[in-house]
Protein backbone atom coordinates (compact mmCIF):
# COMPACT_ATOMS: atom_id res chain seq x y z
CA MET A 1 231.55 185.44 323.83
CA THR A 2 231.13 181.59 324.71
CA GLN A 3 227.66 180.28 325.69
CA ASP A 4 228.76 179.77 329.17
CA GLU A 5 230.08 183.38 329.24
CA LEU A 6 226.54 184.82 328.14
CA LYS A 7 224.84 182.43 330.63
CA GLN A 8 227.19 184.05 333.03
CA ALA A 9 226.32 187.33 331.92
CA VAL A 10 222.59 187.00 332.24
CA ALA A 11 223.07 185.44 335.90
CA LYS A 12 224.71 188.84 337.25
CA ALA A 13 222.05 190.78 335.63
CA ALA A 14 219.21 188.77 337.23
CA ILE A 15 220.68 189.78 340.74
CA GLU A 16 219.16 193.12 340.07
CA TYR A 17 215.72 191.23 340.85
CA VAL A 18 216.63 190.10 343.80
CA VAL A 19 214.35 191.45 346.59
CA ASP A 20 216.42 192.05 349.74
CA GLY A 21 214.87 190.24 352.92
CA GLU A 22 212.66 188.03 350.88
CA ILE A 23 212.54 184.44 349.67
CA ILE A 24 213.38 183.92 345.83
CA GLY A 25 212.71 181.06 343.94
CA VAL A 26 215.22 179.32 341.85
CA GLY A 27 215.26 177.06 338.80
CA THR A 28 217.12 173.99 337.25
CA GLY A 29 219.60 173.81 334.80
CA SER A 30 223.41 175.37 333.49
CA THR A 31 221.95 178.85 333.32
CA ALA A 32 220.58 178.87 336.66
CA ASN A 33 223.50 177.07 338.09
CA PHE A 34 225.40 180.14 337.36
CA PHE A 35 222.71 181.97 339.13
CA ILE A 36 222.93 180.26 342.29
CA ASP A 37 226.57 180.85 342.21
CA GLU A 38 225.89 184.58 341.74
CA LEU A 39 223.19 184.20 344.55
CA GLY A 40 225.93 182.89 346.83
CA LYS A 41 227.90 186.16 346.89
CA ILE A 42 224.72 188.15 348.32
CA LYS A 43 223.34 185.35 350.45
CA ASP A 44 223.03 187.55 353.28
CA ARG A 45 220.83 189.71 351.57
CA ILE A 46 217.92 187.11 351.19
CA LYS A 47 215.80 184.99 353.77
CA GLY A 48 216.48 181.84 351.69
CA ALA A 49 215.19 180.14 348.60
CA VAL A 50 212.77 177.62 347.26
CA ALA A 51 214.56 175.01 344.76
CA SER A 52 212.79 173.54 341.59
CA SER A 53 215.18 170.38 341.95
CA GLU A 54 217.06 168.13 344.34
CA ALA A 55 219.84 169.51 342.41
CA THR A 56 219.14 172.78 342.80
CA ALA A 57 218.61 172.49 346.69
CA GLU A 58 221.98 170.78 346.98
CA ARG A 59 223.93 173.89 344.91
CA LEU A 60 221.91 176.61 346.94
CA ARG A 61 223.02 174.72 350.49
CA SER A 62 226.60 174.54 349.05
CA HIS A 63 226.55 178.37 349.35
CA GLY A 64 225.08 178.51 352.67
CA ILE A 65 221.61 179.35 351.20
CA THR A 66 218.61 178.37 353.43
CA VAL A 67 216.28 176.17 351.36
CA PHE A 68 212.67 176.40 352.10
CA ASP A 69 209.99 173.89 351.59
CA LEU A 70 207.51 175.43 349.24
CA ASN A 71 204.35 174.46 351.64
CA GLU A 72 205.84 176.93 354.12
CA VAL A 73 205.96 179.64 351.63
CA GLU A 74 202.69 181.70 350.58
CA THR A 75 203.90 183.92 348.09
CA MET A 76 207.60 184.92 346.69
CA PRO A 77 208.60 188.28 344.97
CA VAL A 78 210.40 186.45 341.92
CA TYR A 79 211.23 183.23 340.32
CA ILE A 80 214.61 183.10 338.44
CA ASP A 81 215.02 180.34 335.73
CA GLY A 82 216.65 179.54 332.24
CA ALA A 83 214.51 177.93 329.30
CA ASP A 84 215.18 175.75 326.84
CA GLU A 85 212.87 177.89 324.31
CA ILE A 86 211.35 181.30 324.56
CA ASN A 87 209.04 183.09 321.77
CA GLY A 88 208.37 186.82 321.32
CA GLY A 89 205.63 186.45 323.68
CA GLY A 90 207.25 185.02 326.73
CA ALA A 91 205.83 181.65 326.11
CA MET A 92 208.43 178.74 326.88
CA ILE A 93 210.00 175.52 326.59
CA LYS A 94 211.43 173.98 329.62
CA GLY A 95 211.96 170.64 331.08
CA GLY A 96 215.62 169.37 329.49
CA GLY A 97 216.90 168.89 332.77
CA ALA A 98 213.55 166.85 333.63
CA ALA A 99 212.51 169.53 336.56
CA LEU A 100 209.72 170.96 334.75
CA THR A 101 206.54 170.02 337.19
CA ARG A 102 208.68 171.40 340.29
CA GLU A 103 209.47 174.43 338.18
CA LYS A 104 205.89 174.96 337.14
CA ILE A 105 205.02 174.68 340.69
CA VAL A 106 207.42 177.26 342.15
CA ALA A 107 206.79 179.62 339.59
CA SER A 108 203.12 179.63 340.15
CA VAL A 109 203.78 181.09 343.82
CA ALA A 110 205.91 184.03 342.50
CA GLN A 111 204.51 187.23 341.60
CA LYS A 112 207.24 187.42 338.76
CA PHE A 113 209.07 185.28 336.55
CA VAL A 114 212.54 186.24 334.98
CA CYS A 115 213.68 184.31 332.33
CA ILE A 116 217.53 184.06 331.79
CA ALA A 117 218.97 182.58 329.14
CA ASP A 118 221.57 183.07 325.98
CA GLY A 119 220.24 184.45 322.81
CA SER A 120 220.04 181.25 320.74
CA LYS A 121 217.25 180.22 323.03
CA LEU A 122 215.01 183.15 321.55
CA VAL A 123 212.72 181.56 318.59
CA GLU A 124 209.80 182.70 316.25
CA VAL A 125 208.00 179.38 316.74
CA LEU A 126 208.64 177.12 319.79
CA GLY A 127 208.97 173.42 318.91
CA LYS A 128 212.40 172.72 317.62
CA PHE A 129 213.45 171.92 320.87
CA PRO A 130 211.59 168.51 321.81
CA LEU A 131 208.79 169.61 324.08
CA PRO A 132 209.17 167.37 327.75
CA VAL A 133 206.05 165.71 328.88
CA GLU A 134 206.00 164.32 332.81
CA VAL A 135 204.11 161.27 332.79
CA ILE A 136 203.04 158.56 335.35
CA PRO A 137 205.31 155.72 334.48
CA MET A 138 202.44 153.01 334.15
CA SER A 139 200.77 155.42 331.64
CA HIS A 140 203.87 156.42 329.69
CA ALA A 141 202.71 153.84 326.38
CA VAL A 142 199.01 155.29 326.35
CA VAL A 143 200.07 158.83 326.66
CA ALA A 144 202.61 158.31 323.84
CA ARG A 145 199.94 157.25 321.52
CA LYS A 146 197.95 160.21 322.52
CA LEU A 147 200.86 162.60 321.71
CA ALA A 148 201.48 160.84 318.39
CA ALA A 149 197.96 161.54 317.48
CA LEU A 150 198.31 165.32 318.10
CA GLY A 151 201.30 165.42 315.68
CA GLY A 152 204.54 164.70 317.50
CA GLU A 153 207.04 162.23 317.71
CA PRO A 154 207.07 160.80 321.25
CA ARG A 155 210.28 159.40 322.71
CA LEU A 156 210.74 158.17 326.07
CA ARG A 157 213.67 159.74 327.53
CA VAL A 158 216.52 156.80 328.22
CA LYS A 159 219.58 157.61 330.10
CA ASP A 160 222.15 154.27 330.08
CA GLY A 161 219.37 152.04 328.86
CA LYS A 162 216.71 152.78 331.40
CA PRO A 163 213.95 155.28 331.62
CA VAL A 164 215.00 158.88 333.24
CA VAL A 165 213.43 158.86 336.80
CA THR A 166 212.53 163.00 337.89
CA ASP A 167 212.77 163.78 341.58
CA ASN A 168 208.53 163.13 341.25
CA GLY A 169 209.33 159.36 340.48
CA CYS A 170 207.82 159.85 336.89
CA TYR A 171 209.10 159.62 333.48
CA ILE A 172 209.60 161.98 330.79
CA ILE A 173 208.30 161.42 327.26
CA ASP A 174 210.25 164.29 325.00
CA VAL A 175 207.93 165.22 321.76
CA LEU A 176 209.92 166.01 318.72
CA GLY A 177 208.56 167.48 315.37
CA LEU A 178 206.15 169.91 316.55
CA SER A 179 205.75 173.35 315.28
CA ILE A 180 203.81 175.59 318.25
CA THR A 181 202.16 178.19 317.01
CA ASP A 182 199.44 178.47 319.65
CA PRO A 183 201.20 177.16 322.95
CA ALA A 184 198.84 178.02 325.44
CA ASP A 185 196.24 175.74 323.51
CA VAL A 186 198.87 172.98 323.01
CA GLU A 187 199.75 173.25 326.88
CA ASP A 188 196.21 172.78 327.80
CA LYS A 189 195.53 169.73 325.32
CA ILE A 190 198.36 167.78 326.57
CA ASN A 191 197.95 168.47 329.93
CA ASN A 192 194.47 167.01 329.58
CA ILE A 193 195.94 163.85 328.56
CA VAL A 194 195.18 161.37 331.29
CA GLY A 195 198.32 160.14 333.08
CA VAL A 196 200.29 163.37 332.54
CA VAL A 197 201.55 165.17 335.05
CA THR A 198 202.23 168.25 333.04
CA ASN A 199 204.36 169.42 330.18
CA GLY A 200 207.40 171.94 329.59
CA LEU A 201 205.18 174.35 327.78
CA PHE A 202 204.73 177.63 329.89
CA ALA A 203 202.12 179.81 327.88
CA ARG A 204 199.49 179.95 330.51
CA GLN A 205 201.73 181.34 333.17
CA GLY A 206 204.95 182.56 330.85
CA ALA A 207 207.93 184.98 331.58
CA ASN A 208 207.43 188.58 332.46
CA VAL A 209 210.72 189.38 331.79
CA CYS A 210 213.71 188.00 329.75
CA LEU A 211 217.53 188.50 330.23
CA LEU A 212 218.93 187.51 327.16
CA GLY A 213 222.64 187.36 326.70
CA THR A 214 224.05 188.45 323.18
CA ALA A 215 227.29 189.40 321.45
CA ASP A 216 226.29 192.95 322.36
CA GLY A 217 225.65 192.49 326.01
CA VAL A 218 222.43 191.93 328.21
CA LYS A 219 219.02 192.47 326.46
CA LYS A 220 216.14 192.98 328.30
CA LEU A 221 212.30 191.73 326.97
CA GLU A 222 209.32 192.51 328.94
CA PHE A 223 206.11 190.70 328.37
């Protein structure tokens, strides 16, 4: 199976976690896009969705799914999103699509986080995938120096010669060369750096379930 076929398989499997008549939180990225397309097929079963990015909101609306502002929503039964890496404890690195802050906020309102990913995303130690850190633009240089002091190699994310700007008007620093054996501790340390909005470690609030696409079918991990 191709990587896209694996992503599509887990997207279909995730429909099982959709609660009829409720609002669902939806993530950002290629795997989440497959899920949105599946969600569109059962849109009449749900009240609507909360999107973790402008791109996700646009795709949801293209399927005729009502998109709610998170400020209108007190709680949701489930948030469904992909991951760039996930370990055996349910801790994840997210943010390859630059939506980490909104993803973390939307996930915090949900009662359950269901991670959907192809099998290559499951790792023993997080950090091979560069850790995204969202920062206030005026702080990116000073934050980068402090991230380097933690042992990483920070790089400002750039596209077409200009810094990538998030939906929040911020920049992304990707930290290479980390071996994250205590994700919750690293998450806290980076979030305590002045100028950091948040980082892509989802450890304090990780996945409850991971649907993993493999050549042998979809495997379910529970944490």
